Amino acid sequence: LQVLIDIDGKHEWRDCIDVPGVRLPRGYYFGTSSVTGDLSDNHDIISLKLYQLTVERTPEEEKRDREVFLPVVDNLKLPGSE
């Protein structure tokens, strides 16, 4: 999963997050929100562009991705899980 942002609207995209191994279920929706801390502020989301990349997969990978019912991140280590 890779998220890029264009803060100034100048088509100058910068990395926001890049998390490898994210597998998302099919048929869900994306939403956005923001938190600014103690102070209140408004944020305008002008647009979202979502793309599904076409990549070559083995039959095993295809089967695994069809069976995803909850979002999964491969090799994710949560704090305190060691």
PDB file of N, CA and C in Angstrom:
ATOM      1  N   LEU A   1       0.859  -1.170   0.000  1.00  0.00           N
ATOM      2  CA  LEU A   1       0.000   0.000   0.000  1.00  0.00           C
ATOM      3  C   LEU A   1       0.898   1.223   0.000  1.00  0.00           C
ATOM      4  N   GLN A   2       0.712   2.075  -0.968  1.00  0.00           N
ATOM      5  CA  GLN A   2       1.507   3.292  -1.056  1.00  0.00           C
ATOM      6  C   GLN A   2       0.554   4.477  -1.150  1.00  0.00           C
ATOM      7  N   VAL A   3       0.774   5.482  -0.308  1.00  0.00           N
ATOM      8  CA  VAL A   3      -0.040   6.695  -0.311  1.00  0.00           C
ATOM      9  C   VAL A   3       0.873   7.870  -0.621  1.00  0.00           C
ATOM     10  N   LEU A   4       0.508   8.651  -1.634  1.00  0.00           N
ATOM     11  CA  LEU A   4       1.246   9.848  -2.022  1.00  0.00           C
ATOM     12  C   LEU A   4       0.347  11.054  -1.797  1.00  0.00           C
ATOM     13  N   ILE A   5       0.929  12.194  -1.451  1.00  0.00           N
ATOM     14  CA  ILE A   5       0.139  13.405  -1.226  1.00  0.00           C
ATOM     15  C   ILE A   5       0.668  14.552  -2.079  1.00  0.00           C
ATOM     16  N   ASP A   6      -0.246  15.422  -2.468  1.00  0.00           N
ATOM     17  CA  ASP A   6       0.075  16.644  -3.214  1.00  0.00           C
ATOM     18  C   ASP A   6      -0.537  17.791  -2.415  1.00  0.00           C
ATOM     19  N   ILE A   7       0.168  18.272  -1.425  1.00  0.00           N
ATOM     20  CA  ILE A   7      -0.371  19.244  -0.475  1.00  0.00           C
ATOM     21  C   ILE A   7      -0.742  20.557  -1.143  1.00  0.00           C
ATOM     22  N   ASP A   8       0.090  21.045  -2.045  1.00  0.00           N
ATOM     23  CA  ASP A   8      -0.129  22.358  -2.646  1.00  0.00           C
ATOM     24  C   ASP A   8      -0.934  22.320  -3.941  1.00  0.00           C
ATOM     25  N   GLY A   9      -1.335  21.135  -4.406  1.00  0.00           N
ATOM     26  CA  GLY A   9      -2.094  21.029  -5.645  1.00  0.00           C
ATOM     27  C   GLY A   9      -1.292  21.359  -6.887  1.00  0.00           C
ATOM     28  N   LYS A  10       0.030  21.135  -6.820  1.00  0.00           N
ATOM     29  CA  LYS A  10       0.909  21.470  -7.959  1.00  0.00           C
ATOM     30  C   LYS A  10       1.378  20.222  -8.700  1.00  0.00           C
ATOM     31  N   HIS A  11       0.735  19.098  -8.482  1.00  0.00           N
ATOM     32  CA  HIS A  11       1.132  17.829  -9.084  1.00  0.00           C
ATOM     33  C   HIS A  11       2.552  17.459  -8.709  1.00  0.00           C
ATOM     34  N   GLU A  12       2.946  17.809  -7.489  1.00  0.00           N
ATOM     35  CA  GLU A  12       4.246  17.434  -6.935  1.00  0.00           C
ATOM     36  C   GLU A  12       3.965  16.436  -5.820  1.00  0.00           C
ATOM     37  N   TRP A  13       3.886  15.169  -6.186  1.00  0.00           N
ATOM     38  CA  TRP A  13       3.497  14.125  -5.259  1.00  0.00           C
ATOM     39  C   TRP A  13       4.662  13.708  -4.383  1.00  0.00           C
ATOM     40  N   ARG A  14       4.376  13.585  -3.077  1.00  0.00           N
ATOM     41  CA  ARG A  14       5.379  13.148  -2.106  1.00  0.00           C
ATOM     42  C   ARG A  14       4.857  11.919  -1.371  1.00  0.00           C
ATOM     43  N   ASP A  15       5.793  11.058  -0.950  1.00  0.00           N
ATOM     44  CA  ASP A  15       5.403   9.879  -0.188  1.00  0.00           C
ATOM     45  C   ASP A  15       4.797  10.278   1.144  1.00  0.00           C
ATOM     46  N   CYS A  16       3.695   9.654   1.479  1.00  0.00           N
ATOM     47  CA  CYS A  16       3.086   9.816   2.794  1.00  0.00           C
ATOM     48  C   CYS A  16       3.367   8.550   3.607  1.00  0.00           C
ATOM     49  N   ILE A  17       2.941   7.404   3.077  1.00  0.00           N
ATOM     50  CA  ILE A  17       3.272   6.116   3.684  1.00  0.00           C
ATOM     51  C   ILE A  17       3.505   5.103   2.580  1.00  0.00           C
ATOM     52  N   ASP A  18       4.285   4.091   2.895  1.00  0.00           N
ATOM     53  CA  ASP A  18       4.522   2.976   1.975  1.00  0.00           C
ATOM     54  C   ASP A  18       4.673   1.730   2.831  1.00  0.00           C
ATOM     55  N   VAL A  19       3.662   0.867   2.807  1.00  0.00           N
ATOM     56  CA  VAL A  19       3.651  -0.333   3.633  1.00  0.00           C
ATOM     57  C   VAL A  19       3.565  -1.550   2.713  1.00  0.00           C
ATOM     58  N   PRO A  20       4.643  -2.338   2.622  1.00  0.00           N
ATOM     59  CA  PRO A  20       4.594  -3.527   1.765  1.00  0.00           C
ATOM     60  C   PRO A  20       3.776  -4.641   2.413  1.00  0.00           C
ATOM     61  N   GLY A  21       3.235  -5.520   1.591  1.00  0.00           N
ATOM     62  CA  GLY A  21       2.537  -6.700   2.096  1.00  0.00           C
ATOM     63  C   GLY A  21       1.108  -6.465   2.549  1.00  0.00           C
ATOM     64  N   VAL A  22       0.489  -5.362   2.136  1.00  0.00           N
ATOM     65  CA  VAL A  22      -0.897  -5.085   2.517  1.00  0.00           C
ATOM     66  C   VAL A  22      -1.820  -5.818   1.553  1.00  0.00           C
ATOM     67  N   ARG A  23      -2.750  -6.596   2.112  1.00  0.00           N
ATOM     68  CA  ARG A  23      -3.751  -7.284   1.297  1.00  0.00           C
ATOM     69  C   ARG A  23      -5.124  -6.837   1.784  1.00  0.00           C
ATOM     70  N   LEU A  24      -5.886  -6.237   0.892  1.00  0.00           N
ATOM     71  CA  LEU A  24      -7.199  -5.712   1.234  1.00  0.00           C
ATOM     72  C   LEU A  24      -8.294  -6.581   0.634  1.00  0.00           C
ATOM     73  N   PRO A  25      -9.403  -6.750   1.351  1.00  0.00           N
ATOM     74  CA  PRO A  25     -10.514  -7.521   0.802  1.00  0.00           C
ATOM     75  C   PRO A  25     -11.185  -6.764  -0.336  1.00  0.00           C
ATOM     76  N   ARG A  26     -11.901  -7.492  -1.178  1.00  0.00           N
ATOM     77  CA  ARG A  26     -12.606  -6.874  -2.294  1.00  0.00           C
ATOM     78  C   ARG A  26     -13.986  -6.414  -1.832  1.00  0.00           C
ATOM     79  N   GLY A  27     -14.501  -5.360  -2.479  1.00  0.00           N
ATOM     80  CA  GLY A  27     -15.858  -4.922  -2.210  1.00  0.00           C
ATOM     81  C   GLY A  27     -16.006  -3.967  -1.034  1.00  0.00           C
ATOM     82  N   TYR A  28     -14.912  -3.426  -0.527  1.00  0.00           N
ATOM     83  CA  TYR A  28     -14.977  -2.473   0.578  1.00  0.00           C
ATOM     84  C   TYR A  28     -14.845  -1.050   0.043  1.00  0.00           C
ATOM     85  N   TYR A  29     -14.976  -0.060   0.911  1.00  0.00           N
ATOM     86  CA  TYR A  29     -14.877   1.347   0.546  1.00  0.00           C
ATOM     87  C   TYR A  29     -13.735   1.996   1.313  1.00  0.00           C
ATOM     88  N   PHE A  30     -13.182   3.065   0.748  1.00  0.00           N
ATOM     89  CA  PHE A  30     -12.152   3.841   1.421  1.00  0.00           C
ATOM     90  C   PHE A  30     -12.783   5.074   2.049  1.00  0.00           C
ATOM     91  N   GLY A  31     -12.272   5.470   3.190  1.00  0.00           N
ATOM     92  CA  GLY A  31     -12.709   6.693   3.852  1.00  0.00           C
ATOM     93  C   GLY A  31     -11.492   7.454   4.339  1.00  0.00           C
ATOM     94  N   THR A  32     -11.669   8.705   4.642  1.00  0.00           N
ATOM     95  CA  THR A  32     -10.567   9.528   5.131  1.00  0.00           C
ATOM     96  C   THR A  32     -10.989  10.290   6.374  1.00  0.00           C
ATOM     97  N   SER A  33     -10.022  10.612   7.195  1.00  0.00           N
ATOM     98  CA  SER A  33     -10.262  11.439   8.376  1.00  0.00           C
ATOM     99  C   SER A  33      -8.932  12.064   8.770  1.00  0.00           C
ATOM    100  N   SER A  34      -8.995  13.020   9.680  1.00  0.00           N
ATOM    101  CA  SER A  34      -7.759  13.641  10.152  1.00  0.00           C
ATOM    102  C   SER A  34      -7.926  14.074  11.598  1.00  0.00           C
ATOM    103  N   VAL A  35      -6.807  14.141  12.293  1.00  0.00           N
ATOM    104  CA  VAL A  35      -6.778  14.614  13.671  1.00  0.00           C
ATOM    105  C   VAL A  35      -5.643  15.625  13.758  1.00  0.00           C
ATOM    106  N   THR A  36      -5.921  16.777  14.343  1.00  0.00           N
ATOM    107  CA  THR A  36      -4.903  17.822  14.419  1.00  0.00           C
ATOM    108  C   THR A  36      -4.361  18.017  15.830  1.00  0.00           C
ATOM    109  N   GLY A  37      -4.793  17.226  16.795  1.00  0.00           N
ATOM    110  CA  GLY A  37      -4.315  17.386  18.164  1.00  0.00           C
ATOM    111  C   GLY A  37      -5.287  18.210  18.981  1.00  0.00           C
ATOM    112  N   ASP A  38      -4.761  19.071  19.840  1.00  0.00           N
ATOM    113  CA  ASP A  38      -5.607  19.862  20.737  1.00  0.00           C
ATOM    114  C   ASP A  38      -6.399  20.948  20.015  1.00  0.00           C
ATOM    115  N   LEU A  39      -5.856  21.464  18.927  1.00  0.00           N
ATOM    116  CA  LEU A  39      -6.529  22.544  18.223  1.00  0.00           C
ATOM    117  C   LEU A  39      -7.454  21.995  17.154  1.00  0.00           C
ATOM    118  N   SER A  40      -8.545  22.683  16.932  1.00  0.00           N
ATOM    119  CA  SER A  40      -9.500  22.279  15.900  1.00  0.00           C
ATOM    120  C   SER A  40      -9.133  22.960  14.590  1.00  0.00           C
ATOM    121  N   ASP A  41      -9.283  22.239  13.501  1.00  0.00           N
ATOM    122  CA  ASP A  41      -8.968  22.785  12.195  1.00  0.00           C
ATOM    123  C   ASP A  41      -9.789  22.041  11.153  1.00  0.00           C
ATOM    124  N   ASN A  42     -10.039  22.669  10.026  1.00  0.00           N
ATOM    125  CA  ASN A  42     -10.756  22.030   8.922  1.00  0.00           C
ATOM    126  C   ASN A  42      -9.762  21.576   7.868  1.00  0.00           C
ATOM    127  N   HIS A  43     -10.060  20.449   7.265  1.00  0.00           N
ATOM    128  CA  HIS A  43      -9.243  19.918   6.180  1.00  0.00           C
ATOM    129  C   HIS A  43     -10.164  19.594   5.024  1.00  0.00           C
ATOM    130  N   ASP A  44      -9.822  20.045   3.838  1.00  0.00           N
ATOM    131  CA  ASP A  44     -10.605  19.748   2.648  1.00  0.00           C
ATOM    132  C   ASP A  44      -9.905  18.667   1.840  1.00  0.00           C
ATOM    133  N   ILE A  45     -10.625  17.622   1.529  1.00  0.00           N
ATOM    134  CA  ILE A  45     -10.112  16.585   0.648  1.00  0.00           C
ATOM    135  C   ILE A  45     -10.725  16.850  -0.713  1.00  0.00           C
ATOM    136  N   ILE A  46      -9.890  17.241  -1.647  1.00  0.00           N
ATOM    137  CA  ILE A  46     -10.355  17.626  -2.971  1.00  0.00           C
ATOM    138  C   ILE A  46     -10.658  16.394  -3.817  1.00  0.00           C
ATOM    139  N   SER A  47      -9.799  15.397  -3.757  1.00  0.00           N
ATOM    140  CA  SER A  47     -10.054  14.197  -4.542  1.00  0.00           C
ATOM    141  C   SER A  47      -9.245  13.026  -4.000  1.00  0.00           C
ATOM    142  N   LEU A  48      -9.694  11.842  -4.323  1.00  0.00           N
ATOM    143  CA  LEU A  48      -8.966  10.603  -4.059  1.00  0.00           C
ATOM    144  C   LEU A  48      -8.860   9.866  -5.386  1.00  0.00           C
ATOM    145  N   LYS A  49      -7.688   9.392  -5.693  1.00  0.00           N
ATOM    146  CA  LYS A  49      -7.497   8.579  -6.892  1.00  0.00           C
ATOM    147  C   LYS A  49      -6.954   7.238  -6.433  1.00  0.00           C
ATOM    148  N   LEU A  50      -7.693   6.191  -6.690  1.00  0.00           N
ATOM    149  CA  LEU A  50      -7.309   4.850  -6.265  1.00  0.00           C
ATOM    150  C   LEU A  50      -7.055   4.006  -7.500  1.00  0.00           C
ATOM    151  N   TYR A  51      -5.980   3.249  -7.460  1.00  0.00           N
ATOM    152  CA  TYR A  51      -5.607   2.407  -8.590  1.00  0.00           C
ATOM    153  C   TYR A  51      -5.332   0.996  -8.108  1.00  0.00           C
ATOM    154  N   GLN A  52      -5.770   0.035  -8.881  1.00  0.00           N
ATOM    155  CA  GLN A  52      -5.392  -1.348  -8.637  1.00  0.00           C
ATOM    156  C   GLN A  52      -4.371  -1.709  -9.687  1.00  0.00           C
ATOM    157  N   LEU A  53      -3.187  -2.030  -9.253  1.00  0.00           N
ATOM    158  CA  LEU A  53      -2.128  -2.376 -10.182  1.00  0.00           C
ATOM    159  C   LEU A  53      -2.297  -3.816 -10.633  1.00  0.00           C
ATOM    160  N   THR A  54      -2.050  -4.045 -11.897  1.00  0.00           N
ATOM    161  CA  THR A  54      -2.103  -5.394 -12.436  1.00  0.00           C
ATOM    162  C   THR A  54      -0.704  -5.983 -12.381  1.00  0.00           C
ATOM    163  N   VAL A  55      -0.568  -7.057 -11.642  1.00  0.00           N
ATOM    164  CA  VAL A  55       0.724  -7.724 -11.524  1.00  0.00           C
ATOM    165  C   VAL A  55       0.529  -9.207 -11.805  1.00  0.00           C
ATOM    166  N   GLU A  56       1.585  -9.845 -12.259  1.00  0.00           N
ATOM    167  CA  GLU A  56       1.522 -11.282 -12.498  1.00  0.00           C
ATOM    168  C   GLU A  56       1.612 -11.998 -11.162  1.00  0.00           C
ATOM    169  N   ARG A  57       0.698 -12.954 -10.956  1.00  0.00           N
ATOM    170  CA  ARG A  57       0.666 -13.703  -9.700  1.00  0.00           C
ATOM    171  C   ARG A  57       0.625 -15.191  -9.991  1.00  0.00           C
ATOM    172  N   THR A  58       1.160 -15.948  -9.060  1.00  0.00           N
ATOM    173  CA  THR A  58       1.077 -17.397  -9.167  1.00  0.00           C
ATOM    174  C   THR A  58      -0.337 -17.823  -8.791  1.00  0.00           C
ATOM    175  N   PRO A  59      -0.757 -19.026  -9.198  1.00  0.00           N
ATOM    176  CA  PRO A  59      -2.084 -19.507  -8.786  1.00  0.00           C
ATOM    177  C   PRO A  59      -2.267 -19.517  -7.276  1.00  0.00           C
ATOM    178  N   GLU A  60      -1.194 -19.799  -6.532  1.00  0.00           N
ATOM    179  CA  GLU A  60      -1.270 -19.795  -5.060  1.00  0.00           C
ATOM    180  C   GLU A  60      -1.555 -18.382  -4.528  1.00  0.00           C
ATOM    181  N   GLU A  61      -0.890 -17.371  -5.098  1.00  0.00           N
ATOM    182  CA  GLU A  61      -1.127 -15.988  -4.686  1.00  0.00           C
ATOM    183  C   GLU A  61      -2.547 -15.545  -5.023  1.00  0.00           C
ATOM    184  N   GLU A  62      -3.045 -15.943  -6.191  1.00  0.00           N
ATOM    185  CA  GLU A  62      -4.418 -15.602  -6.583  1.00  0.00           C
ATOM    186  C   GLU A  62      -5.416 -16.189  -5.592  1.00  0.00           C
ATOM    187  N   LYS A  63      -5.226 -17.454  -5.229  1.00  0.00           N
ATOM    188  CA  LYS A  63      -6.129 -18.110  -4.283  1.00  0.00           C
ATOM    189  C   LYS A  63      -6.077 -17.418  -2.923  1.00  0.00           C
ATOM    190  N   ARG A  64      -4.876 -17.088  -2.469  1.00  0.00           N
ATOM    191  CA  ARG A  64      -4.711 -16.415  -1.178  1.00  0.00           C
ATOM    192  C   ARG A  64      -5.420 -15.064  -1.172  1.00  0.00           C
ATOM    193  N   ASP A  65      -5.288 -14.287  -2.255  1.00  0.00           N
ATOM    194  CA  ASP A  65      -5.898 -12.961  -2.309  1.00  0.00           C
ATOM    195  C   ASP A  65      -7.414 -13.025  -2.407  1.00  0.00           C
ATOM    196  N   ARG A  66      -7.954 -14.061  -3.050  1.00  0.00           N
ATOM    197  CA  ARG A  66      -9.410 -14.213  -3.129  1.00  0.00           C
ATOM    198  C   ARG A  66     -10.011 -14.533  -1.770  1.00  0.00           C
ATOM    199  N   GLU A  67      -9.212 -15.126  -0.880  1.00  0.00           N
ATOM    200  CA  GLU A  67      -9.716 -15.558   0.418  1.00  0.00           C
ATOM    201  C   GLU A  67      -9.544 -14.506   1.508  1.00  0.00           C
ATOM    202  N   VAL A  68      -9.126 -13.292   1.169  1.00  0.00           N
ATOM    203  CA  VAL A  68      -8.949 -12.236   2.167  1.00  0.00           C
ATOM    204  C   VAL A  68     -10.311 -11.644   2.516  1.00  0.00           C
ATOM    205  N   PHE A  69     -10.720 -11.791   3.782  1.00  0.00           N
ATOM    206  CA  PHE A  69     -11.987 -11.233   4.242  1.00  0.00           C
ATOM    207  C   PHE A  69     -11.775 -10.045   5.169  1.00  0.00           C
ATOM    208  N   LEU A  70     -10.611  -9.960   5.780  1.00  0.00           N
ATOM    209  CA  LEU A  70     -10.233  -8.832   6.627  1.00  0.00           C
ATOM    210  C   LEU A  70      -8.903  -8.292   6.123  1.00  0.00           C
ATOM    211  N   PRO A  71      -8.660  -6.984   6.274  1.00  0.00           N
ATOM    212  CA  PRO A  71      -7.368  -6.442   5.852  1.00  0.00           C
ATOM    213  C   PRO A  71      -6.219  -7.143   6.580  1.00  0.00           C
ATOM    214  N   VAL A  72      -5.152  -7.423   5.854  1.00  0.00           N
ATOM    215  CA  VAL A  72      -4.004  -8.149   6.403  1.00  0.00           C
ATOM    216  C   VAL A  72      -2.730  -7.437   5.968  1.00  0.00           C
ATOM    217  N   VAL A  73      -1.743  -7.381   6.867  1.00  0.00           N
ATOM    218  CA  VAL A  73      -0.418  -6.872   6.515  1.00  0.00           C
ATOM    219  C   VAL A  73       0.576  -7.967   6.851  1.00  0.00           C
ATOM    220  N   ASP A  74       1.261  -8.482   5.834  1.00  0.00           N
ATOM    221  CA  ASP A  74       2.256  -9.525   6.041  1.00  0.00           C
ATOM    222  C   ASP A  74       3.411  -8.987   6.878  1.00  0.00           C
ATOM    223  N   ASN A  75       3.894  -9.803   7.787  1.00  0.00           N
ATOM    224  CA  ASN A  75       5.085  -9.485   8.594  1.00  0.00           C
ATOM    225  C   ASN A  75       4.940  -8.216   9.416  1.00  0.00           C
ATOM    226  N   LEU A  76       3.720  -7.864   9.829  1.00  0.00           N
ATOM    227  CA  LEU A  76       3.517  -6.682  10.655  1.00  0.00           C
ATOM    228  C   LEU A  76       3.829  -7.029  12.104  1.00  0.00           C
ATOM    229  N   LYS A  77       4.702  -6.246  12.736  1.00  0.00           N
ATOM    230  CA  LYS A  77       5.028  -6.451  14.142  1.00  0.00           C
ATOM    231  C   LYS A  77       4.413  -5.305  14.943  1.00  0.00           C
ATOM    232  N   LEU A  78       3.466  -5.651  15.791  1.00  0.00           N
ATOM    233  CA  LEU A  78       2.818  -4.650  16.616  1.00  0.00           C
ATOM    234  C   LEU A  78       3.664  -4.369  17.855  1.00  0.00           C
ATOM    235  N   PRO A  79       3.621  -3.165  18.369  1.00  0.00           N
ATOM    236  CA  PRO A  79       4.385  -2.851  19.588  1.00  0.00           C
ATOM    237  C   PRO A  79       3.956  -3.765  20.736  1.00  0.00           C
ATOM    238  N   GLY A  80       4.916  -4.326  21.440  1.00  0.00           N
ATOM    239  CA  GLY A  80       4.637  -5.178  22.596  1.00  0.00           C
ATOM    240  C   GLY A  80       4.249  -6.600  22.241  1.00  0.00           C
ATOM    241  N   SER A  81       4.347  -6.990  20.967  1.00  0.00           N
ATOM    242  CA  SER A  81       3.952  -8.345  20.583  1.00  0.00           C
ATOM    243  C   SER A  81       5.102  -9.335  20.594  1.00  0.00           C
ATOM    244  N   GLU A  82       6.253  -8.913  21.072  1.00  0.00           N
ATOM    245  CA  GLU A  82       7.439  -9.789  21.047  1.00  0.00           C
ATOM    246  C   GLU A  82       7.509 -10.649  22.283  1.00  0.00           C
TER     247      GLU A  82
END
